[in-house]
Structure formats: structure tokens, C-alpha cells
Amino acid sequence: MSTRRNFLKKTGLATAAIASTPSFGFNILGNAAPKDEILGHGDYQYKVHREWAQISSIRNPILNCHEMVMDSKGRLIMMGDHPKNNILIFDKSGKLLDYWGTAYPGGHGLSLSKEGGEDFLLLTDSGWYLNKLGKWTKHNGRVSKTTTDGRVVFDIGHPQTIGVYKPGDHFCPTETAVGPNGDIYVADGYGMDYIIQYNEKGEYIRHWGGKDNVDTNYNLSNAHGVAIDYRDKNNPLVVCTSRNEQSFKWFTLDGKYVKTLHLPNMQVCRPVFDDNNLYAGVCWSQPKVGKTTWKEHTGFVTILEGDTVVSNPGGTAPEYKNGTLQKSYQLENKPILHGHDVCVDEDKNLYICQWNANKTAPLKLERV
């Protein structure tokens, strides 16, 4: 692995490289796809495998691939929002091992909890789904804790039932994270933008974030993701996405503000941590000239070492001027349409889930 990376660096492939070898396939936009398509920068470059997932579009149709985690058996578990199957389980070759779930039409967030040697899933239904007429429809969002084969342990419902929200307040959760003591942090990213903290039994503890705080550091705008940052083992922190601010915000485990990291032109989804790296899907960006809508394909993936962006697979190379990160942009050939989530395996390969990507399965990015 390291020899190959050094070779790429020495040959000047510090920006995204695409081999000129012709392909017999086509990409999801209908354009000819390069046979050896390399994305990324520096030490973080990847060969794209567009046809990694071995599934039938008839038996296991996909609407949106929202998130993916890897369990203790090395299986890759994906959460989607198609009414026929919310959960798809793959091995690392892309073979479909299992699928289940029809009760989460707004299937969005997926987190893994390990308890007593057993894996559990936290499934988030955002409350938004496409009805049979192709129109976005809203129902009550919820969070479910389940086993990996779909047995429900408990549900977390609307916070109005415990007096946290007022009648009429929207609860549209998008993500969860599990703290070191088992506490569950729920991001109400499409609702009131609060982070709601529960204990391991689903009992309310506190909440923070939202809008219109006196201390604006606590404001969250589209609190789309939440995760626990264990990189300082003695001081784990809660990291929250404030997507409309193109930022991540760090808080203590009991909700005290620590810091903000702004990523210009990157409307990021949840942070995913692996070793010293932070990975995130970029759902939207804006072009250098003009503006686009949320429906346009403008996403990519970003990778950080510590707080420094070091690679943007599917996007332009990160650039810093006087220590300040400059704007990054999607590559013109749109290899990634909307980066919604990143899953990292033990070989540092990436699996990319995409929202609004023409009903395609996850991509595999093989580290080179």
C-alpha cells in the first residue's frame, strides 16, 4: 500500500487523477466512465468501483443510500428509505448477505452500538418520505434501537411526550451517536435543530443547540449529523453538524461548547472518525460561477487529518492561504453526485452512500 502511495506522489498525482484507458462501462450520468478512475489527493487517493454492490434493482430496489456502518463481523450495513427494504447488509466484496425492514419510510440515520460483545443498531427515521405519487410527505420521526437482524429493543418517539417539545414542534431526527457510557445523542436535523441526550434506556437527560441562542456558538442550522470524537481518549467530545453554516461544532458530553471548524463551500453530513482522520460526505457545494439548487448534483467527499483538510475525493484539491482553508468545488465530471455518508473499513477503503443519485447503490473507493 505505502509503496503504491509513494509512487503516486512521486509521479505528481497530488490532485485527482483519471487514467486515459478507455472503458466499456458508463457512469450514472450516462457518460463513458474511465476504466481506472482515481479520486483524491496526496496520501488519500482511491480507485473507484462503481459496480461494487451486487444487487438486483427489482428484488432490492434503492431510492436513496443514506448511511452505512461496519459491524464487528466486518459486514457493511446500509440504511435507505425505499419502502421495500430499509436495511441492506453486504460483505466487503459487495455481495448482498441479508436485507430487512419496511417500517422506516424515512430511513436516514444509522449508528452502531456495541454492548456486552453484541452489536446493536440505532435507526433514524427522519419523518420525510416519497409517497406513491412521488411527492415528499411527512410523518412523525422516530429513533429505534434494534438488533442487527431487525428485532426492536425500544423506540424513542416525539419529545413532546416527555415535555421537551411543545405541541406543534417538528421532530425530524436525522442521526444518532452513542457516548462512552451508553448515552444516546439524537440530532433533530430536519426539525428543531436540537441535540437531545438520552441515557442507554432511552430516558431523557438534556438537550442543547437549536436556534436563537444568546451565545450563537450554540446555534445549529440543519443539525444533520452527530458523532463522538474519541481521538483524545481522555476527553471524548460530541461533534455536531451545522450544515447550513458549513461547519462542525464540538461540545462536551454534557453539551458545553468547545469549538467550531468551518469548511468553506462544503455542506457536510455527519462526521465519521477513523484513527486521526475525520471523513464526511459533502452533500452540496456551489460552483465557482453562479448558484445551484439543492436538487443539483454538487457533492463530493472530504477527508481531514486532525482539523486540516487533506483530500477531497470527487472535489478539487484542498488549498490553504495563510492558514485559512479556501473553497473547494466538485469536479466537472461529477464522479460523486451527493456525498451523504462515508464508511471506512480496516484497509482504509471507503464506501460512499449518496442521496439523490439516480437510485444507485453505494460506491467503493479502494485506497491506492
Protein backbone atom coordinates (compact mmCIF):
# COMPACT_ATOMS: atom_id res chain seq x y z
CA MET A 1 0.00 0.00 0.00
CA SER A 2 2.61 2.56 1.10
CA THR A 3 4.82 1.82 -1.94
CA ARG A 4 1.94 2.48 -4.26
CA ARG A 5 1.09 5.74 -2.48
CA ASN A 6 4.71 6.91 -2.69
CA PHE A 7 4.75 6.11 -6.40
CA LEU A 8 1.64 8.22 -6.95
CA LYS A 9 3.16 11.11 -5.04
CA LYS A 10 6.44 10.91 -6.98
CA THR A 11 4.66 10.90 -10.31
CA GLY A 12 2.91 14.13 -9.43
CA LEU A 13 -0.58 12.78 -8.84
CA ALA A 14 -1.21 15.15 -5.98
CA THR A 15 -4.53 16.07 -7.48
CA ALA A 16 -7.33 13.80 -8.65
CA ALA A 17 -6.00 11.60 -11.45
CA ILE A 18 -8.04 9.84 -14.10
CA ALA A 19 -6.32 7.31 -16.33
CA SER A 20 -6.79 7.63 -20.06
CA THR A 21 -7.54 3.95 -20.62
CA PRO A 22 -10.97 3.69 -22.32
CA SER A 23 -13.83 1.92 -20.56
CA PHE A 24 -16.55 -0.40 -21.71
CA GLY A 25 -18.90 0.88 -18.98
CA PHE A 26 -20.83 4.05 -18.34
CA ASN A 27 -21.22 6.19 -15.27
CA ILE A 28 -24.52 7.08 -13.64
CA LEU A 29 -24.85 10.18 -15.80
CA GLY A 30 -24.63 8.13 -18.98
CA ASN A 31 -21.11 9.28 -19.85
CA ALA A 32 -18.26 6.89 -20.59
CA ALA A 33 -16.53 6.04 -17.30
CA PRO A 34 -12.73 5.66 -17.14
CA LYS A 35 -11.51 2.11 -16.51
CA ASP A 36 -9.16 3.19 -13.74
CA GLU A 37 -10.78 6.21 -12.18
CA ILE A 38 -8.68 7.68 -9.36
CA LEU A 39 -10.07 10.28 -6.98
CA GLY A 40 -8.48 12.19 -4.12
CA HIS A 41 -5.25 13.94 -3.24
CA GLY A 42 -1.89 13.32 -1.59
CA ASP A 43 -1.80 10.15 0.50
CA TYR A 44 -5.58 9.76 0.22
CA GLN A 45 -6.27 8.58 -3.32
CA TYR A 46 -8.77 5.96 -4.33
CA LYS A 47 -9.76 3.77 -7.25
CA VAL A 48 -13.49 3.99 -7.90
CA HIS A 49 -15.60 0.83 -8.07
CA ARG A 50 -18.98 1.94 -9.34
CA GLU A 51 -20.44 -1.57 -9.63
CA TRP A 52 -19.31 -2.77 -6.21
CA ALA A 53 -22.78 -3.63 -4.87
CA GLN A 54 -24.11 -6.91 -6.31
CA ILE A 55 -27.86 -6.42 -6.01
CA SER A 56 -30.96 -6.70 -8.14
CA SER A 57 -32.77 -3.43 -8.76
CA ILE A 58 -36.01 -5.42 -8.90
CA ARG A 59 -35.62 -7.55 -5.77
CA ASN A 60 -33.74 -4.95 -3.73
CA PRO A 61 -34.56 -1.52 -5.18
CA ILE A 62 -32.86 1.55 -3.76
CA LEU A 63 -34.25 5.05 -3.53
CA ASN A 64 -31.53 6.84 -1.51
CA CYS A 65 -28.48 5.32 0.19
CA HIS A 66 -28.27 7.36 3.34
CA GLU A 67 -25.75 5.83 5.72
CA MET A 68 -23.55 2.78 6.29
CA VAL A 69 -21.69 1.22 9.23
CA MET A 70 -19.42 -1.82 9.56
CA ASP A 71 -20.27 -4.28 12.35
CA SER A 72 -17.91 -6.45 14.41
CA LYS A 73 -18.21 -9.25 11.82
CA GLY A 74 -16.93 -6.96 9.05
CA ARG A 75 -20.34 -6.72 7.40
CA LEU A 76 -21.39 -3.43 5.82
CA ILE A 77 -24.89 -2.41 6.86
CA MET A 78 -26.67 0.27 4.83
CA MET A 79 -29.74 2.34 5.74
CA GLY A 80 -32.03 3.56 2.97
CA ASP A 81 -35.56 4.85 2.51
CA HIS A 82 -37.06 2.50 -0.06
CA PRO A 83 -40.34 1.06 1.31
CA LYS A 84 -39.38 -2.49 0.23
CA ASN A 85 -36.12 -2.69 2.17
CA ASN A 86 -34.67 -0.20 4.62
CA ILE A 87 -31.60 -2.24 5.60
CA LEU A 88 -29.19 -3.93 3.17
CA ILE A 89 -26.26 -5.96 4.53
CA PHE A 90 -23.18 -6.59 2.33
CA ASP A 91 -19.86 -8.31 2.70
CA LYS A 92 -16.80 -6.36 1.58
CA SER A 93 -16.88 -7.90 -1.89
CA GLY A 94 -20.29 -6.26 -2.42
CA LYS A 95 -22.31 -9.47 -2.11
CA LEU A 96 -25.72 -8.96 -0.52
CA LEU A 97 -25.97 -11.10 2.62
CA ASP A 98 -29.32 -10.04 4.05
CA TYR A 99 -31.98 -7.36 3.92
CA TRP A 100 -34.89 -6.39 6.12
CA GLY A 101 -37.13 -3.56 7.27
CA THR A 102 -40.18 -1.88 5.78
CA ALA A 103 -41.21 0.19 8.80
CA TYR A 104 -38.88 3.14 8.16
CA PRO A 105 -40.10 5.01 5.06
CA GLY A 106 -37.99 7.98 6.08
CA GLY A 107 -34.93 5.80 6.80
CA HIS A 108 -32.00 8.19 7.22
CA GLY A 109 -29.54 7.71 10.09
CA LEU A 110 -27.68 4.55 11.12
CA SER A 111 -25.30 4.17 14.05
CA LEU A 112 -23.69 1.14 15.69
CA SER A 113 -23.71 0.42 19.42
CA LYS A 114 -21.62 -2.38 20.94
CA GLU A 115 -22.85 -3.75 24.26
CA GLY A 116 -21.56 -6.84 26.03
CA GLY A 117 -19.98 -8.20 22.87
CA GLU A 118 -23.18 -7.75 20.85
CA ASP A 119 -23.86 -5.25 18.07
CA PHE A 120 -26.97 -3.09 18.10
CA LEU A 121 -28.22 -0.58 15.55
CA LEU A 122 -29.78 2.83 16.08
CA LEU A 123 -32.07 3.56 13.14
CA THR A 124 -33.31 7.07 12.49
CA ASP A 125 -36.48 7.77 10.52
CA SER A 126 -36.47 11.46 9.66
CA GLY A 127 -40.23 11.62 9.07
CA TRP A 128 -39.85 12.58 5.41
CA TYR A 129 -40.53 10.14 2.58
CA LEU A 130 -41.66 10.00 -1.04
CA ASN A 131 -45.24 8.81 -1.38
CA LYS A 132 -46.64 6.76 -4.29
CA LEU A 133 -47.29 9.96 -6.23
CA GLY A 134 -43.63 10.96 -5.96
CA LYS A 135 -44.29 13.81 -3.53
CA TRP A 136 -42.46 14.44 -0.27
CA THR A 137 -44.73 13.55 2.65
CA LYS A 138 -44.20 14.00 6.37
CA HIS A 139 -44.97 11.69 9.28
CA ASN A 140 -43.70 11.51 12.86
CA GLY A 141 -39.97 10.84 13.03
CA ARG A 142 -38.51 8.33 15.46
CA VAL A 143 -35.38 6.51 16.58
CA SER A 144 -35.31 2.72 17.01
CA LYS A 145 -32.72 0.59 18.75
CA THR A 146 -32.62 -2.84 17.10
CA THR A 147 -30.52 -5.96 16.83
CA THR A 148 -28.63 -6.40 13.57
CA ASP A 149 -31.36 -8.74 12.32
CA GLY A 150 -34.12 -6.22 12.98
CA ARG A 151 -35.60 -7.06 16.40
CA VAL A 152 -36.70 -3.79 18.02
CA VAL A 153 -35.36 -3.21 21.54
CA PHE A 154 -37.05 0.18 22.08
CA ASP A 155 -38.20 3.29 20.25
CA ILE A 156 -37.58 6.95 21.03
CA GLY A 157 -40.58 8.95 19.90
CA HIS A 158 -41.61 12.60 19.73
CA PRO A 159 -40.04 14.68 22.55
CA GLN A 160 -43.45 16.27 23.16
CA THR A 161 -44.35 13.13 25.10
CA ILE A 162 -41.71 13.95 27.73
CA GLY A 163 -42.33 17.69 27.80
CA VAL A 164 -39.19 18.70 25.90
CA TYR A 165 -41.05 19.94 22.82
CA LYS A 166 -44.24 21.96 22.63
CA PRO A 167 -47.28 20.78 20.66
CA GLY A 168 -46.64 21.55 17.01
CA ASP A 169 -42.84 21.45 17.29
CA HIS A 170 -41.43 19.30 14.49
CA PHE A 171 -39.37 16.23 15.39
CA CYS A 172 -37.49 15.03 12.32
CA PRO A 173 -34.37 13.22 13.60
CA THR A 174 -31.54 12.60 11.18
CA GLU A 175 -28.76 10.97 13.21
CA THR A 176 -27.69 9.41 16.49
CA ALA A 177 -24.42 8.81 18.32
CA VAL A 178 -23.63 6.65 21.35
CA GLY A 179 -21.41 8.04 24.10
CA PRO A 180 -18.81 6.14 26.15
CA ASN A 181 -21.34 5.39 28.92
CA GLY A 182 -24.09 4.34 26.51
CA ASP A 183 -25.89 7.69 26.39
CA ILE A 184 -27.69 8.29 23.09
CA TYR A 185 -27.41 11.66 21.34
CA VAL A 186 -30.16 12.38 18.80
CA ALA A 187 -29.74 15.12 16.18
CA ASP A 188 -33.10 16.64 15.22
CA GLY A 189 -31.58 17.88 11.97
CA TYR A 190 -34.77 18.36 9.96
CA GLY A 191 -36.82 19.56 12.90
CA MET A 192 -35.88 21.93 15.72
CA ASP A 193 -32.09 21.52 15.35
CA TYR A 194 -31.57 20.34 18.91
CA ILE A 195 -29.20 17.65 20.11
CA ILE A 196 -31.23 15.58 22.58
CA GLN A 197 -29.35 13.42 25.06
CA TYR A 198 -30.91 10.23 26.45
CA ASN A 199 -29.47 7.51 28.68
CA GLU A 200 -28.91 3.98 27.42
CA LYS A 201 -32.55 3.12 28.21
CA GLY A 202 -33.90 5.97 26.11
CA GLU A 203 -34.72 8.22 29.08
CA TYR A 204 -34.31 11.98 28.55
CA ILE A 205 -31.34 13.77 30.16
CA ARG A 206 -30.91 17.17 28.46
CA HIS A 207 -30.88 18.98 25.13
CA TRP A 208 -28.98 21.87 23.55
CA GLY A 209 -28.48 23.60 20.23
CA GLY A 210 -31.47 24.88 18.31
CA LYS A 211 -31.66 28.46 17.12
CA ASP A 212 -31.71 31.99 18.55
CA ASN A 213 -29.38 31.30 21.47
CA VAL A 214 -27.83 34.31 23.22
CA ASP A 215 -24.47 32.61 22.74
CA THR A 216 -24.52 31.97 19.00
CA ASN A 217 -21.88 29.25 19.36
CA TYR A 218 -24.73 27.00 20.50
CA ASN A 219 -26.84 27.68 17.39
CA LEU A 220 -27.19 24.79 14.95
CA SER A 221 -28.62 25.19 11.47
CA ASN A 222 -29.55 21.86 9.89
CA ALA A 223 -28.04 19.74 12.66
CA HIS A 224 -27.75 16.89 10.21
CA GLY A 225 -25.18 14.71 11.94
CA VAL A 226 -23.76 13.87 15.34
CA ALA A 227 -20.83 11.65 16.36
CA ILE A 228 -18.43 11.08 19.25
CA ASP A 229 -14.83 12.16 18.72
CA TYR A 230 -12.59 9.73 20.66
CA ARG A 231 -9.31 10.96 19.19
CA ASP A 232 -8.36 12.37 22.59
CA LYS A 233 -9.09 9.25 24.63
CA ASN A 234 -9.10 11.22 27.86
CA ASN A 235 -11.55 13.81 26.57
CA PRO A 236 -14.21 12.43 24.18
CA LEU A 237 -16.41 15.12 22.63
CA VAL A 238 -19.75 15.32 20.85
CA VAL A 239 -19.39 16.65 17.29
CA CYS A 240 -22.45 18.15 15.63
CA THR A 241 -23.02 19.10 12.01
CA SER A 242 -24.33 22.59 11.34
CA ARG A 243 -24.74 22.01 7.64
CA ASN A 244 -26.15 25.37 6.62
CA GLU A 245 -23.16 27.01 8.35
CA GLN A 246 -20.78 24.62 6.51
CA SER A 247 -19.37 23.70 9.89
CA PHE A 248 -18.79 21.09 12.57
CA LYS A 249 -19.19 22.13 16.20
CA TRP A 250 -17.61 20.33 19.17
CA PHE A 251 -19.28 20.08 22.60
CA THR A 252 -18.51 18.27 25.83
CA LEU A 253 -20.51 15.15 26.62
CA ASP A 254 -22.89 17.29 28.68
CA GLY A 255 -23.39 19.91 25.98
CA LYS A 256 -20.86 22.67 26.72
CA TYR A 257 -19.50 24.41 23.62
CA VAL A 258 -15.82 23.79 22.77
CA LYS A 259 -15.01 24.90 19.19
CA THR A 260 -16.20 25.30 15.59
CA LEU A 261 -14.50 24.14 12.38
CA HIS A 262 -15.70 25.95 9.26
CA LEU A 263 -15.32 24.20 5.87
CA PRO A 264 -15.99 26.82 3.19
CA ASN A 265 -18.42 25.75 0.43
CA MET A 266 -18.94 22.30 1.98
CA GLN A 267 -22.41 21.49 3.24
CA VAL A 268 -21.25 18.46 5.17
CA CYS A 269 -23.17 15.50 6.56
CA ARG A 270 -22.17 13.54 9.67
CA PRO A 271 -18.52 13.32 10.75
CA VAL A 272 -17.01 9.82 10.62
CA PHE A 273 -13.86 9.19 12.67
CA ASP A 274 -11.12 6.66 11.97
CA ASP A 275 -7.71 6.93 13.66
CA ASN A 276 -6.76 10.63 13.41
CA ASN A 277 -8.98 11.19 10.37
CA LEU A 278 -12.38 12.78 10.02
CA TYR A 279 -14.33 11.79 6.89
CA ALA A 280 -17.56 13.39 5.70
CA GLY A 281 -19.85 13.39 2.74
CA VAL A 282 -20.38 16.81 1.19
CA CYS A 283 -23.99 16.85 0.06
CA TRP A 284 -23.84 20.22 -1.69
CA SER A 285 -21.38 22.86 -2.80
CA GLN A 286 -21.69 25.90 -5.03
CA PRO A 287 -19.89 26.30 -8.38
CA LYS A 288 -17.25 28.96 -8.90
CA VAL A 289 -19.71 30.89 -11.05
CA GLY A 290 -23.46 31.10 -10.44
CA LYS A 291 -25.69 29.29 -8.00
CA THR A 292 -27.42 25.90 -7.87
CA THR A 293 -30.40 24.46 -6.01
CA TRP A 294 -30.46 21.57 -3.54
CA LYS A 295 -31.68 19.31 -6.35
CA GLU A 296 -28.50 19.77 -8.40
CA HIS A 297 -25.65 17.24 -8.16
CA THR A 298 -22.86 19.20 -6.48
CA GLY A 299 -21.37 16.88 -3.85
CA PHE A 300 -18.09 15.10 -3.08
CA VAL A 301 -16.22 13.74 -0.03
CA THR A 302 -13.78 15.47 2.28
CA ILE A 303 -11.03 13.95 4.46
CA LEU A 304 -9.25 15.66 7.35
CA GLU A 305 -6.14 14.87 9.39
CA GLY A 306 -6.92 16.47 12.71
CA ASP A 307 -8.60 19.73 11.72
CA THR A 308 -6.81 20.03 8.36
CA VAL A 309 -8.45 19.05 5.08
CA VAL A 310 -6.01 16.83 3.16
CA SER A 311 -8.11 15.31 0.37
CA ASN A 312 -11.42 15.85 -1.41
CA PRO A 313 -12.32 12.74 -3.44
CA GLY A 314 -14.68 13.92 -6.16
CA GLY A 315 -13.73 17.53 -5.49
CA THR A 316 -10.87 19.94 -6.11
CA ALA A 317 -7.67 19.77 -4.10
CA PRO A 318 -7.79 21.49 -0.69
CA GLU A 319 -5.95 24.80 -0.60
CA TYR A 320 -4.87 26.86 2.38
CA LYS A 321 -3.79 30.51 2.24
CA ASN A 322 -2.20 31.98 5.36
CA GLY A 323 -3.60 29.05 7.32
CA THR A 324 -7.18 29.56 6.09
CA LEU A 325 -8.96 26.91 4.06
CA GLN A 326 -10.19 28.15 0.70
CA LYS A 327 -13.36 27.00 -1.06
CA SER A 328 -13.42 23.54 -2.64
CA TYR A 329 -15.55 22.59 -5.63
CA GLN A 330 -17.00 19.46 -7.20
CA LEU A 331 -15.06 18.04 -10.16
CA GLU A 332 -16.65 18.78 -13.51
CA ASN A 333 -17.16 15.12 -14.43
CA LYS A 334 -19.26 14.59 -11.26
CA PRO A 335 -17.83 11.25 -10.12
CA ILE A 336 -19.74 11.73 -6.84
CA LEU A 337 -23.15 13.38 -7.05
CA HIS A 338 -24.17 13.94 -3.42
CA GLY A 339 -21.85 12.66 -0.69
CA HIS A 340 -24.16 11.65 2.16
CA ASP A 341 -22.04 9.26 4.23
CA VAL A 342 -18.66 7.54 4.39
CA CYS A 343 -17.88 4.14 5.89
CA VAL A 344 -14.23 3.15 6.43
CA ASP A 345 -13.01 -0.47 6.59
CA GLU A 346 -9.84 -1.81 8.23
CA ASP A 347 -7.91 -1.45 4.95
CA LYS A 348 -8.91 2.24 4.76
CA ASN A 349 -11.15 1.68 1.77
CA LEU A 350 -14.21 3.93 1.68
CA TYR A 351 -17.84 3.13 0.92
CA ILE A 352 -19.84 6.16 -0.19
CA CYS A 353 -23.58 6.46 0.31
CA GLN A 354 -25.29 9.03 -1.89
CA TRP A 355 -28.60 10.82 -1.63
CA ASN A 356 -30.42 11.85 -4.83
CA ALA A 357 -28.04 9.87 -7.03
CA ASN A 358 -30.38 8.24 -9.53
CA LYS A 359 -31.21 5.33 -7.20
CA THR A 360 -27.68 3.96 -7.32
CA ALA A 361 -26.05 1.66 -4.76
CA PRO A 362 -23.03 2.70 -2.65
CA LEU A 363 -19.68 3.26 -4.37
CA LYS A 364 -16.48 1.66 -3.17
CA LEU A 365 -13.32 3.78 -3.17
CA GLU A 366 -10.31 1.46 -2.93
CA ARG A 367 -7.29 3.12 -1.33
CA VAL A 368 -4.22 3.10 -3.58
